[in-house]
Amino acid sequence: MEIRTLVRFVIFLMPTIFFLNLFIWGENGILSYMSLRREAEIERQSVESIKKELAKISQDISNLENDDFYFEKLAREDLLMGKAGELVYLVR
């Protein structure tokens, strides 16, 4: 290989390696981008879970405000309450 060809090769290779390094491992490189995408997907799933929980709580509030039977059911099941004269048995 001629010296001139070797110098051209090195001059071409060095910037290529530098930019490839930045493109893959740099602060805004592919690996950073993929990590951020994973985090964004986890946050999206978290938001969906919270939205479902909020919808359930809103439905519970609506049922408590408008449905006496639901209120009584909740008191009996969750708070272990009963009507006057009833015995409440706890079965585990």
N, C-alpha and C. Protein backbone atom coordinates (compact mmCIF):
# COMPACT_ATOMS: atom_id res chain seq x y z
N MET A 1 0.84 -1.18 0.00
CA MET A 1 0.00 0.00 0.00
C MET A 1 0.88 1.23 0.00
N GLU A 2 0.52 2.12 -0.74
CA GLU A 2 1.27 3.36 -0.88
C GLU A 2 0.99 4.27 0.33
N ILE A 3 1.92 5.09 0.70
CA ILE A 3 1.78 6.00 1.84
C ILE A 3 0.62 6.96 1.60
N ARG A 4 0.52 7.44 0.41
CA ARG A 4 -0.54 8.38 0.07
C ARG A 4 -1.92 7.73 0.26
N THR A 5 -2.07 6.52 -0.18
CA THR A 5 -3.33 5.80 -0.03
C THR A 5 -3.62 5.54 1.45
N LEU A 6 -2.59 5.20 2.20
CA LEU A 6 -2.74 4.96 3.63
C LEU A 6 -3.18 6.23 4.36
N VAL A 7 -2.59 7.36 4.01
CA VAL A 7 -2.96 8.64 4.63
C VAL A 7 -4.41 8.98 4.30
N ARG A 8 -4.83 8.80 3.06
CA ARG A 8 -6.23 9.06 2.67
C ARG A 8 -7.18 8.16 3.44
N PHE A 9 -6.78 6.91 3.59
CA PHE A 9 -7.60 5.95 4.32
C PHE A 9 -7.76 6.37 5.78
N VAL A 10 -6.67 6.77 6.41
CA VAL A 10 -6.71 7.21 7.80
C VAL A 10 -7.52 8.49 7.93
N ILE A 11 -7.33 9.41 7.00
CA ILE A 11 -8.09 10.67 7.04
C ILE A 11 -9.58 10.40 6.88
N PHE A 12 -9.95 9.43 6.10
CA PHE A 12 -11.36 9.07 5.95
C PHE A 12 -11.87 8.29 7.16
N LEU A 13 -11.04 7.39 7.69
CA LEU A 13 -11.46 6.50 8.75
C LEU A 13 -11.65 7.21 10.09
N MET A 14 -10.80 8.14 10.44
CA MET A 14 -10.87 8.80 11.74
C MET A 14 -12.18 9.56 11.95
N PRO A 15 -12.58 10.44 11.03
CA PRO A 15 -13.88 11.12 11.23
C PRO A 15 -15.05 10.15 11.20
N THR A 16 -14.94 9.12 10.38
CA THR A 16 -16.01 8.14 10.32
C THR A 16 -16.19 7.45 11.67
N ILE A 17 -15.10 7.05 12.28
CA ILE A 17 -15.16 6.41 13.59
C ILE A 17 -15.69 7.40 14.63
N PHE A 18 -15.25 8.63 14.58
CA PHE A 18 -15.69 9.65 15.52
C PHE A 18 -17.21 9.86 15.44
N PHE A 19 -17.72 10.05 14.22
CA PHE A 19 -19.16 10.31 14.07
C PHE A 19 -19.99 9.06 14.36
N LEU A 20 -19.47 7.91 14.03
CA LEU A 20 -20.17 6.67 14.35
C LEU A 20 -20.26 6.50 15.87
N ASN A 21 -19.19 6.84 16.56
CA ASN A 21 -19.18 6.80 18.02
C ASN A 21 -20.23 7.75 18.60
N LEU A 22 -20.29 8.96 18.08
CA LEU A 22 -21.31 9.91 18.55
C LEU A 22 -22.71 9.41 18.23
N PHE A 23 -22.90 8.85 17.07
CA PHE A 23 -24.21 8.40 16.62
C PHE A 23 -24.75 7.26 17.48
N ILE A 24 -23.87 6.38 17.93
CA ILE A 24 -24.31 5.23 18.72
C ILE A 24 -24.27 5.50 20.21
N TRP A 25 -23.13 5.94 20.73
CA TRP A 25 -22.96 6.05 22.18
C TRP A 25 -23.00 7.48 22.71
N GLY A 26 -23.18 8.45 21.86
CA GLY A 26 -23.19 9.84 22.30
C GLY A 26 -24.40 10.17 23.18
N GLU A 27 -24.40 11.39 23.68
CA GLU A 27 -25.47 11.84 24.57
C GLU A 27 -26.84 11.74 23.91
N ASN A 28 -26.90 12.02 22.64
CA ASN A 28 -28.15 11.93 21.88
C ASN A 28 -28.11 10.78 20.89
N GLY A 29 -27.35 9.76 21.19
CA GLY A 29 -27.17 8.64 20.28
C GLY A 29 -28.32 7.65 20.32
N ILE A 30 -28.16 6.61 19.55
CA ILE A 30 -29.20 5.59 19.42
C ILE A 30 -29.48 4.91 20.76
N LEU A 31 -28.45 4.59 21.51
CA LEU A 31 -28.67 3.90 22.78
C LEU A 31 -29.45 4.78 23.76
N SER A 32 -29.16 6.05 23.78
CA SER A 32 -29.90 6.98 24.64
C SER A 32 -31.36 7.08 24.17
N TYR A 33 -31.54 7.15 22.86
CA TYR A 33 -32.89 7.23 22.28
C TYR A 33 -33.71 5.99 22.64
N MET A 34 -33.11 4.81 22.53
CA MET A 34 -33.83 3.57 22.85
C MET A 34 -34.19 3.52 24.33
N SER A 35 -33.30 3.98 25.18
CA SER A 35 -33.58 4.02 26.61
C SER A 35 -34.75 4.96 26.91
N LEU A 36 -34.77 6.11 26.27
CA LEU A 36 -35.87 7.06 26.47
C LEU A 36 -37.19 6.50 25.96
N ARG A 37 -37.15 5.76 24.87
CA ARG A 37 -38.38 5.15 24.35
C ARG A 37 -38.94 4.13 25.34
N ARG A 38 -38.05 3.34 25.94
CA ARG A 38 -38.50 2.36 26.95
C ARG A 38 -39.14 3.09 28.14
N GLU A 39 -38.50 4.15 28.61
CA GLU A 39 -39.05 4.91 29.73
C GLU A 39 -40.41 5.52 29.37
N ALA A 40 -40.52 6.03 28.15
CA ALA A 40 -41.79 6.63 27.71
C ALA A 40 -42.90 5.58 27.68
N GLU A 41 -42.59 4.37 27.24
CA GLU A 41 -43.59 3.30 27.20
C GLU A 41 -44.02 2.91 28.61
N ILE A 42 -43.08 2.85 29.54
CA ILE A 42 -43.42 2.54 30.93
C ILE A 42 -44.32 3.63 31.50
N GLU A 43 -44.02 4.88 31.20
CA GLU A 43 -44.85 6.00 31.68
C GLU A 43 -46.24 5.95 31.06
N ARG A 44 -46.33 5.59 29.76
CA ARG A 44 -47.64 5.47 29.11
C ARG A 44 -48.49 4.41 29.79
N GLN A 45 -47.86 3.28 30.12
CA GLN A 45 -48.59 2.21 30.80
C GLN A 45 -49.04 2.67 32.18
N SER A 46 -48.20 3.42 32.85
CA SER A 46 -48.55 3.94 34.17
C SER A 46 -49.74 4.89 34.07
N VAL A 47 -49.73 5.74 33.08
CA VAL A 47 -50.84 6.68 32.88
C VAL A 47 -52.14 5.93 32.59
N GLU A 48 -52.06 4.88 31.76
CA GLU A 48 -53.26 4.10 31.46
C GLU A 48 -53.80 3.42 32.72
N SER A 49 -52.91 2.91 33.54
CA SER A 49 -53.33 2.27 34.79
C SER A 49 -54.00 3.29 35.72
N ILE A 50 -53.43 4.46 35.81
CA ILE A 50 -54.01 5.50 36.67
C ILE A 50 -55.35 5.96 36.12
N LYS A 51 -55.48 6.05 34.80
CA LYS A 51 -56.78 6.43 34.21
C LYS A 51 -57.85 5.40 34.53
N LYS A 52 -57.49 4.11 34.47
CA LYS A 52 -58.46 3.06 34.80
C LYS A 52 -58.87 3.15 36.27
N GLU A 53 -57.88 3.38 37.12
CA GLU A 53 -58.17 3.50 38.55
C GLU A 53 -59.06 4.72 38.82
N LEU A 54 -58.79 5.83 38.14
CA LEU A 54 -59.61 7.04 38.29
C LEU A 54 -61.04 6.80 37.82
N ALA A 55 -61.21 6.08 36.72
CA ALA A 55 -62.55 5.78 36.22
C ALA A 55 -63.31 4.92 37.23
N LYS A 56 -62.62 3.94 37.84
CA LYS A 56 -63.27 3.09 38.83
C LYS A 56 -63.67 3.91 40.05
N ILE A 57 -62.80 4.79 40.51
CA ILE A 57 -63.11 5.62 41.67
C ILE A 57 -64.26 6.57 41.36
N SER A 58 -64.27 7.14 40.16
CA SER A 58 -65.37 8.03 39.76
C SER A 58 -66.69 7.27 39.73
N GLN A 59 -66.65 6.02 39.24
CA GLN A 59 -67.86 5.20 39.21
C GLN A 59 -68.32 4.88 40.63
N ASP A 60 -67.37 4.58 41.52
CA ASP A 60 -67.72 4.32 42.92
C ASP A 60 -68.36 5.54 43.57
N ILE A 61 -67.81 6.72 43.30
CA ILE A 61 -68.38 7.96 43.86
C ILE A 61 -69.79 8.17 43.35
N SER A 62 -69.97 7.96 42.05
CA SER A 62 -71.30 8.12 41.46
C SER A 62 -72.28 7.12 42.07
N ASN A 63 -71.84 5.88 42.23
CA ASN A 63 -72.72 4.87 42.84
C ASN A 63 -73.05 5.22 44.29
N LEU A 64 -72.08 5.72 45.04
CA LEU A 64 -72.34 6.08 46.43
C LEU A 64 -73.33 7.25 46.53
N GLU A 65 -73.25 8.18 45.60
CA GLU A 65 -74.14 9.34 45.63
C GLU A 65 -75.56 9.00 45.18
N ASN A 66 -75.70 8.04 44.28
CA ASN A 66 -77.01 7.81 43.65
C ASN A 66 -77.67 6.48 43.98
N ASP A 67 -76.94 5.53 44.52
CA ASP A 67 -77.49 4.18 44.69
C ASP A 67 -77.37 3.76 46.16
N ASP A 68 -78.53 3.73 46.85
CA ASP A 68 -78.54 3.34 48.26
C ASP A 68 -78.13 1.88 48.44
N PHE A 69 -78.52 1.03 47.50
CA PHE A 69 -78.17 -0.39 47.59
C PHE A 69 -76.65 -0.56 47.53
N TYR A 70 -75.99 0.19 46.68
CA TYR A 70 -74.53 0.11 46.58
C TYR A 70 -73.89 0.57 47.88
N PHE A 71 -74.43 1.64 48.46
CA PHE A 71 -73.91 2.15 49.73
C PHE A 71 -74.03 1.08 50.81
N GLU A 72 -75.18 0.41 50.87
CA GLU A 72 -75.40 -0.64 51.86
C GLU A 72 -74.47 -1.84 51.59
N LYS A 73 -74.32 -2.21 50.35
CA LYS A 73 -73.44 -3.32 49.98
C LYS A 73 -72.00 -3.03 50.39
N LEU A 74 -71.56 -1.81 50.14
CA LEU A 74 -70.19 -1.42 50.49
C LEU A 74 -70.01 -1.47 52.01
N ALA A 75 -70.99 -0.98 52.75
CA ALA A 75 -70.90 -0.99 54.21
C ALA A 75 -70.86 -2.43 54.74
N ARG A 76 -71.64 -3.30 54.16
CA ARG A 76 -71.68 -4.69 54.62
C ARG A 76 -70.39 -5.44 54.28
N GLU A 77 -69.91 -5.29 53.05
CA GLU A 77 -68.76 -6.09 52.61
C GLU A 77 -67.43 -5.52 53.07
N ASP A 78 -67.23 -4.25 52.89
CA ASP A 78 -65.92 -3.66 53.17
C ASP A 78 -65.75 -3.25 54.63
N LEU A 79 -66.82 -2.78 55.25
CA LEU A 79 -66.72 -2.28 56.62
C LEU A 79 -67.25 -3.26 57.64
N LEU A 80 -67.75 -4.42 57.18
CA LEU A 80 -68.28 -5.48 58.04
C LEU A 80 -69.37 -4.95 58.97
N MET A 81 -70.26 -4.18 58.40
CA MET A 81 -71.37 -3.63 59.17
C MET A 81 -72.65 -4.40 58.84
N GLY A 82 -73.62 -4.30 59.69
CA GLY A 82 -74.91 -4.94 59.46
C GLY A 82 -76.03 -4.04 59.93
N LYS A 83 -77.24 -4.45 59.62
CA LYS A 83 -78.40 -3.70 60.08
C LYS A 83 -78.61 -3.98 61.56
N ALA A 84 -79.41 -3.15 62.17
CA ALA A 84 -79.72 -3.33 63.60
C ALA A 84 -80.35 -4.70 63.80
N GLY A 85 -79.85 -5.46 64.77
CA GLY A 85 -80.38 -6.78 65.07
C GLY A 85 -79.73 -7.90 64.27
N GLU A 86 -78.87 -7.60 63.29
CA GLU A 86 -78.19 -8.63 62.51
C GLU A 86 -76.86 -9.00 63.15
N LEU A 87 -76.48 -10.23 62.98
CA LEU A 87 -75.16 -10.69 63.41
C LEU A 87 -74.27 -10.76 62.18
N VAL A 88 -73.09 -10.24 62.30
CA VAL A 88 -72.14 -10.27 61.19
C VAL A 88 -71.12 -11.36 61.47
N TYR A 89 -71.03 -12.34 60.56
CA TYR A 89 -70.07 -13.42 60.70
C TYR A 89 -68.92 -13.18 59.72
N LEU A 90 -67.73 -13.33 60.23
CA LEU A 90 -66.54 -13.16 59.40
C LEU A 90 -65.98 -14.54 59.12
N VAL A 91 -65.99 -14.95 57.86
CA VAL A 91 -65.49 -16.25 57.45
C VAL A 91 -64.20 -16.02 56.69
N ARG A 92 -63.15 -16.68 57.15
CA ARG A 92 -61.86 -16.51 56.46
C ARG A 92 -61.46 -17.77 55.78
